[in-house]
Amino acid sequence: MNRGDLFRVKHPSSKDPKRSRVFVIVSRQILIESTFSIVVCAPVYSRHDGLSTQVKIGIKEGLKHESSIHCDELISISKNKLTDFVGSLPEEKIFELNEALKISLDIPEY
């Protein structure tokens, strides 16, 4: 399990109308490798609104169609729910993810 890995999660929450949804792990690697039981993830949706906090991904990353990571909707997910591996983000998408997270969390550039 690594930062940037995508997993399909069944019944992600009672508020989500889908039976399953893909999430990308955004927690730092040291936390993922620790005994801590949860990681922070961002959901993947089939729609892309053109926001700077969204990252376009698709077939290259293991999905069935073009989609978008939504960094404004971060959630904690138990590691034991992350069992259905979909794919991994390449380095250039990790860079885009980092930039989108900085914007969504209002972290200034120094």
N, C-alpha and C. Protein backbone atom coordinates (compact mmCIF):
# COMPACT_ATOMS: atom_id res chain seq x y z
N MET A 1 0.86 -1.17 0.00
CA MET A 1 0.00 0.00 0.00
C MET A 1 0.90 1.23 0.00
N ASN A 2 0.64 2.13 -0.97
CA ASN A 2 1.49 3.31 -1.13
C ASN A 2 0.65 4.57 -1.37
N ARG A 3 1.28 5.71 -1.09
CA ARG A 3 0.65 6.98 -1.41
C ARG A 3 0.45 7.02 -2.93
N GLY A 4 -0.74 7.40 -3.36
CA GLY A 4 -1.05 7.46 -4.78
C GLY A 4 -1.70 6.20 -5.31
N ASP A 5 -1.84 5.17 -4.47
CA ASP A 5 -2.55 3.96 -4.89
C ASP A 5 -4.05 4.21 -4.89
N LEU A 6 -4.73 3.60 -5.85
CA LEU A 6 -6.18 3.70 -5.97
C LEU A 6 -6.82 2.38 -5.56
N PHE A 7 -7.87 2.47 -4.74
CA PHE A 7 -8.61 1.31 -4.28
C PHE A 7 -10.10 1.54 -4.44
N ARG A 8 -10.81 0.48 -4.83
CA ARG A 8 -12.27 0.53 -4.87
C ARG A 8 -12.77 0.10 -3.50
N VAL A 9 -13.62 0.95 -2.89
CA VAL A 9 -14.16 0.70 -1.56
C VAL A 9 -15.66 0.47 -1.68
N LYS A 10 -16.14 -0.67 -1.16
CA LYS A 10 -17.57 -0.97 -1.18
C LYS A 10 -18.26 -0.22 -0.06
N HIS A 11 -19.41 0.36 -0.37
CA HIS A 11 -20.22 1.10 0.60
C HIS A 11 -19.37 2.09 1.40
N PRO A 12 -18.77 3.08 0.72
CA PRO A 12 -17.85 4.00 1.40
C PRO A 12 -18.49 4.80 2.52
N SER A 13 -19.75 5.17 2.37
CA SER A 13 -20.46 5.87 3.45
C SER A 13 -21.95 5.80 3.17
N SER A 14 -22.71 6.06 4.20
CA SER A 14 -24.17 6.02 4.05
C SER A 14 -24.67 7.17 3.17
N LYS A 15 -23.88 8.22 3.03
CA LYS A 15 -24.27 9.38 2.22
C LYS A 15 -23.94 9.22 0.75
N ASP A 16 -23.09 8.25 0.42
CA ASP A 16 -22.67 8.05 -0.96
C ASP A 16 -23.69 7.16 -1.67
N PRO A 17 -24.28 7.64 -2.77
CA PRO A 17 -25.31 6.86 -3.47
C PRO A 17 -24.76 5.64 -4.22
N LYS A 18 -23.45 5.59 -4.44
CA LYS A 18 -22.87 4.46 -5.18
C LYS A 18 -22.57 3.29 -4.25
N ARG A 19 -22.64 2.08 -4.81
CA ARG A 19 -22.32 0.88 -4.03
C ARG A 19 -20.83 0.77 -3.77
N SER A 20 -20.04 1.36 -4.64
CA SER A 20 -18.59 1.39 -4.42
C SER A 20 -18.03 2.65 -5.07
N ARG A 21 -16.88 3.05 -4.59
CA ARG A 21 -16.22 4.23 -5.13
C ARG A 21 -14.71 4.02 -5.05
N VAL A 22 -14.00 4.59 -6.00
CA VAL A 22 -12.54 4.53 -5.98
C VAL A 22 -12.02 5.72 -5.17
N PHE A 23 -11.00 5.44 -4.36
CA PHE A 23 -10.33 6.46 -3.57
C PHE A 23 -8.83 6.36 -3.82
N VAL A 24 -8.15 7.48 -3.71
CA VAL A 24 -6.68 7.50 -3.82
C VAL A 24 -6.12 7.86 -2.44
N ILE A 25 -5.09 7.14 -2.03
CA ILE A 25 -4.45 7.40 -0.74
C ILE A 25 -3.60 8.66 -0.86
N VAL A 26 -3.83 9.62 0.06
CA VAL A 26 -3.05 10.86 0.05
C VAL A 26 -2.19 11.03 1.31
N SER A 27 -2.34 10.14 2.27
CA SER A 27 -1.50 10.20 3.48
C SER A 27 -0.04 10.02 3.12
N ARG A 28 0.83 10.52 3.99
CA ARG A 28 2.26 10.34 3.78
C ARG A 28 2.64 8.88 4.00
N GLN A 29 3.69 8.45 3.32
CA GLN A 29 4.07 7.03 3.31
C GLN A 29 4.38 6.49 4.70
N ILE A 30 5.00 7.30 5.55
CA ILE A 30 5.36 6.81 6.89
C ILE A 30 4.11 6.44 7.69
N LEU A 31 3.02 7.18 7.51
CA LEU A 31 1.77 6.85 8.19
C LEU A 31 1.17 5.57 7.62
N ILE A 32 1.23 5.44 6.30
CA ILE A 32 0.68 4.24 5.64
C ILE A 32 1.39 2.99 6.15
N GLU A 33 2.69 3.07 6.34
CA GLU A 33 3.48 1.92 6.78
C GLU A 33 3.43 1.69 8.29
N SER A 34 2.84 2.62 9.03
CA SER A 34 2.77 2.50 10.49
C SER A 34 1.65 1.55 10.90
N THR A 35 1.53 1.37 12.20
CA THR A 35 0.45 0.53 12.73
C THR A 35 -0.86 1.32 12.88
N PHE A 36 -0.82 2.59 12.55
CA PHE A 36 -2.04 3.41 12.59
C PHE A 36 -3.06 2.78 11.66
N SER A 37 -4.30 2.69 12.05
CA SER A 37 -5.29 1.89 11.32
C SER A 37 -6.01 2.63 10.19
N ILE A 38 -5.83 3.95 10.08
CA ILE A 38 -6.54 4.68 9.03
C ILE A 38 -5.57 5.51 8.19
N VAL A 39 -6.01 5.85 6.99
CA VAL A 39 -5.27 6.73 6.11
C VAL A 39 -6.23 7.77 5.54
N VAL A 40 -5.68 8.88 5.10
CA VAL A 40 -6.49 9.93 4.47
C VAL A 40 -6.54 9.65 2.98
N CYS A 41 -7.75 9.74 2.42
CA CYS A 41 -7.97 9.45 1.01
C CYS A 41 -8.81 10.54 0.36
N ALA A 42 -8.70 10.62 -0.95
CA ALA A 42 -9.54 11.53 -1.74
C ALA A 42 -10.40 10.68 -2.67
N PRO A 43 -11.68 11.03 -2.81
CA PRO A 43 -12.56 10.27 -3.69
C PRO A 43 -12.33 10.56 -5.16
N VAL A 44 -12.70 9.60 -5.99
CA VAL A 44 -12.61 9.75 -7.44
C VAL A 44 -14.04 9.75 -7.98
N TYR A 45 -14.34 10.75 -8.80
CA TYR A 45 -15.67 10.88 -9.42
C TYR A 45 -15.52 10.86 -10.93
N SER A 46 -16.58 10.48 -11.62
CA SER A 46 -16.53 10.46 -13.08
C SER A 46 -16.66 11.85 -13.67
N ARG A 47 -17.08 12.81 -12.87
CA ARG A 47 -17.21 14.18 -13.38
C ARG A 47 -15.95 14.99 -13.05
N HIS A 48 -15.69 15.96 -13.90
CA HIS A 48 -14.59 16.90 -13.67
C HIS A 48 -15.14 18.31 -13.89
N ASP A 49 -15.06 19.13 -12.85
CA ASP A 49 -15.64 20.48 -12.90
C ASP A 49 -14.63 21.54 -13.29
N GLY A 50 -13.38 21.15 -13.52
CA GLY A 50 -12.36 22.12 -13.90
C GLY A 50 -11.78 22.90 -12.74
N LEU A 51 -12.01 22.45 -11.51
CA LEU A 51 -11.47 23.14 -10.34
C LEU A 51 -9.98 22.83 -10.18
N SER A 52 -9.25 23.75 -9.59
CA SER A 52 -7.82 23.55 -9.37
C SER A 52 -7.55 22.50 -8.29
N THR A 53 -8.58 22.10 -7.58
CA THR A 53 -8.45 21.08 -6.54
C THR A 53 -8.83 19.68 -7.06
N GLN A 54 -8.98 19.57 -8.37
CA GLN A 54 -9.31 18.28 -8.99
C GLN A 54 -8.18 17.87 -9.92
N VAL A 55 -7.93 16.56 -9.97
CA VAL A 55 -6.87 16.00 -10.80
C VAL A 55 -7.49 14.99 -11.75
N LYS A 56 -7.33 15.21 -13.05
CA LYS A 56 -7.86 14.28 -14.04
C LYS A 56 -7.03 13.00 -14.07
N ILE A 57 -7.73 11.86 -14.02
CA ILE A 57 -7.10 10.56 -14.17
C ILE A 57 -8.01 9.69 -15.04
N GLY A 58 -7.52 8.51 -15.41
CA GLY A 58 -8.35 7.67 -16.27
C GLY A 58 -7.80 6.28 -16.47
N ILE A 59 -7.87 5.81 -17.69
CA ILE A 59 -7.52 4.44 -18.04
C ILE A 59 -6.06 4.12 -17.69
N LYS A 60 -5.16 5.07 -17.90
CA LYS A 60 -3.73 4.85 -17.59
C LYS A 60 -3.52 4.51 -16.11
N GLU A 61 -4.41 5.00 -15.27
CA GLU A 61 -4.28 4.77 -13.83
C GLU A 61 -5.11 3.56 -13.36
N GLY A 62 -5.72 2.84 -14.29
CA GLY A 62 -6.45 1.63 -13.94
C GLY A 62 -7.96 1.76 -13.90
N LEU A 63 -8.47 2.93 -14.26
CA LEU A 63 -9.92 3.15 -14.25
C LEU A 63 -10.55 2.74 -15.58
N LYS A 64 -11.87 2.63 -15.58
CA LYS A 64 -12.59 2.24 -16.79
C LYS A 64 -12.81 3.42 -17.73
N HIS A 65 -12.80 4.65 -17.18
CA HIS A 65 -13.05 5.84 -17.98
C HIS A 65 -12.41 7.06 -17.32
N GLU A 66 -12.44 8.16 -18.04
CA GLU A 66 -11.87 9.40 -17.52
C GLU A 66 -12.62 9.82 -16.25
N SER A 67 -11.86 10.22 -15.25
CA SER A 67 -12.43 10.59 -13.96
C SER A 67 -11.60 11.70 -13.35
N SER A 68 -11.89 12.02 -12.09
CA SER A 68 -11.20 13.12 -11.44
C SER A 68 -11.10 12.87 -9.94
N ILE A 69 -9.91 13.12 -9.39
CA ILE A 69 -9.71 13.08 -7.94
C ILE A 69 -10.20 14.40 -7.38
N HIS A 70 -11.02 14.36 -6.36
CA HIS A 70 -11.57 15.58 -5.75
C HIS A 70 -10.91 15.81 -4.40
N CYS A 71 -9.95 16.71 -4.36
CA CYS A 71 -9.16 16.96 -3.15
C CYS A 71 -9.88 17.81 -2.10
N ASP A 72 -11.04 18.35 -2.45
CA ASP A 72 -11.82 19.11 -1.47
C ASP A 72 -12.70 18.21 -0.60
N GLU A 73 -12.64 16.90 -0.82
CA GLU A 73 -13.51 15.96 -0.09
C GLU A 73 -12.71 14.87 0.61
N LEU A 74 -11.61 15.22 1.25
CA LEU A 74 -10.76 14.24 1.91
C LEU A 74 -11.51 13.54 3.05
N ILE A 75 -11.26 12.23 3.17
CA ILE A 75 -11.87 11.46 4.26
C ILE A 75 -10.85 10.47 4.80
N SER A 76 -11.09 10.00 6.02
CA SER A 76 -10.28 8.94 6.61
C SER A 76 -10.94 7.61 6.32
N ILE A 77 -10.13 6.64 5.90
CA ILE A 77 -10.63 5.30 5.61
C ILE A 77 -9.74 4.30 6.33
N SER A 78 -10.38 3.31 6.92
CA SER A 78 -9.65 2.23 7.58
C SER A 78 -8.84 1.45 6.55
N LYS A 79 -7.60 1.16 6.87
CA LYS A 79 -6.74 0.42 5.95
C LYS A 79 -7.35 -0.93 5.56
N ASN A 80 -8.09 -1.55 6.48
CA ASN A 80 -8.64 -2.87 6.16
C ASN A 80 -9.76 -2.82 5.12
N LYS A 81 -10.24 -1.62 4.77
CA LYS A 81 -11.23 -1.48 3.69
C LYS A 81 -10.56 -1.33 2.33
N LEU A 82 -9.25 -1.10 2.33
CA LEU A 82 -8.51 -0.87 1.09
C LEU A 82 -7.92 -2.19 0.60
N THR A 83 -8.76 -3.02 0.02
CA THR A 83 -8.34 -4.36 -0.43
C THR A 83 -8.48 -4.56 -1.93
N ASP A 84 -9.34 -3.77 -2.58
CA ASP A 84 -9.60 -3.95 -4.02
C ASP A 84 -8.74 -2.95 -4.81
N PHE A 85 -7.47 -3.33 -5.06
CA PHE A 85 -6.52 -2.45 -5.74
C PHE A 85 -6.94 -2.21 -7.18
N VAL A 86 -6.88 -0.94 -7.59
CA VAL A 86 -7.27 -0.53 -8.95
C VAL A 86 -6.05 -0.15 -9.78
N GLY A 87 -5.14 0.61 -9.18
CA GLY A 87 -3.96 1.09 -9.91
C GLY A 87 -3.18 2.08 -9.07
N SER A 88 -2.19 2.70 -9.68
CA SER A 88 -1.35 3.69 -9.00
C SER A 88 -1.17 4.92 -9.86
N LEU A 89 -1.01 6.05 -9.21
CA LEU A 89 -0.74 7.29 -9.94
C LEU A 89 0.73 7.34 -10.35
N PRO A 90 1.00 7.73 -11.59
CA PRO A 90 2.40 7.93 -12.00
C PRO A 90 2.94 9.21 -11.35
N GLU A 91 4.23 9.37 -11.42
CA GLU A 91 4.91 10.50 -10.76
C GLU A 91 4.31 11.86 -11.13
N GLU A 92 3.99 12.06 -12.42
CA GLU A 92 3.46 13.37 -12.82
C GLU A 92 2.08 13.63 -12.22
N LYS A 93 1.29 12.57 -12.00
CA LYS A 93 -0.03 12.74 -11.38
C LYS A 93 0.11 12.97 -9.88
N ILE A 94 1.15 12.37 -9.25
CA ILE A 94 1.42 12.64 -7.83
C ILE A 94 1.75 14.12 -7.66
N PHE A 95 2.54 14.67 -8.58
CA PHE A 95 2.86 16.10 -8.54
C PHE A 95 1.58 16.93 -8.63
N GLU A 96 0.69 16.60 -9.57
CA GLU A 96 -0.58 17.32 -9.72
C GLU A 96 -1.43 17.17 -8.46
N LEU A 97 -1.43 15.97 -7.88
CA LEU A 97 -2.18 15.72 -6.64
C LEU A 97 -1.65 16.61 -5.52
N ASN A 98 -0.33 16.68 -5.39
CA ASN A 98 0.27 17.53 -4.35
C ASN A 98 -0.14 18.99 -4.52
N GLU A 99 -0.14 19.47 -5.76
CA GLU A 99 -0.53 20.86 -6.01
C GLU A 99 -2.01 21.08 -5.67
N ALA A 100 -2.86 20.14 -6.05
CA ALA A 100 -4.29 20.25 -5.75
C ALA A 100 -4.55 20.21 -4.24
N LEU A 101 -3.79 19.39 -3.51
CA LEU A 101 -3.93 19.33 -2.06
C LEU A 101 -3.49 20.64 -1.41
N LYS A 102 -2.41 21.23 -1.90
CA LYS A 102 -1.96 22.53 -1.36
C LYS A 102 -3.06 23.57 -1.52
N ILE A 103 -3.71 23.57 -2.67
CA ILE A 103 -4.78 24.54 -2.92
C ILE A 103 -5.98 24.25 -2.02
N SER A 104 -6.38 22.98 -1.93
CA SER A 104 -7.57 22.64 -1.16
C SER A 104 -7.38 22.90 0.33
N LEU A 105 -6.14 22.78 0.82
CA LEU A 105 -5.86 23.02 2.23
C LEU A 105 -5.33 24.43 2.49
N ASP A 106 -5.28 25.25 1.44
CA ASP A 106 -4.82 26.64 1.52
C ASP A 106 -3.41 26.73 2.12
N ILE A 107 -2.51 25.88 1.61
CA ILE A 107 -1.12 25.90 2.05
C ILE A 107 -0.35 26.81 1.09
N PRO A 108 0.22 27.90 1.63
CA PRO A 108 0.92 28.85 0.75
C PRO A 108 2.24 28.32 0.25
N GLU A 109 2.67 28.81 -0.89
CA GLU A 109 3.99 28.50 -1.43
C GLU A 109 5.00 29.41 -0.73
N TYR A 110 6.16 28.87 -0.42
CA TYR A 110 7.22 29.67 0.21
C TYR A 110 8.42 29.74 -0.67
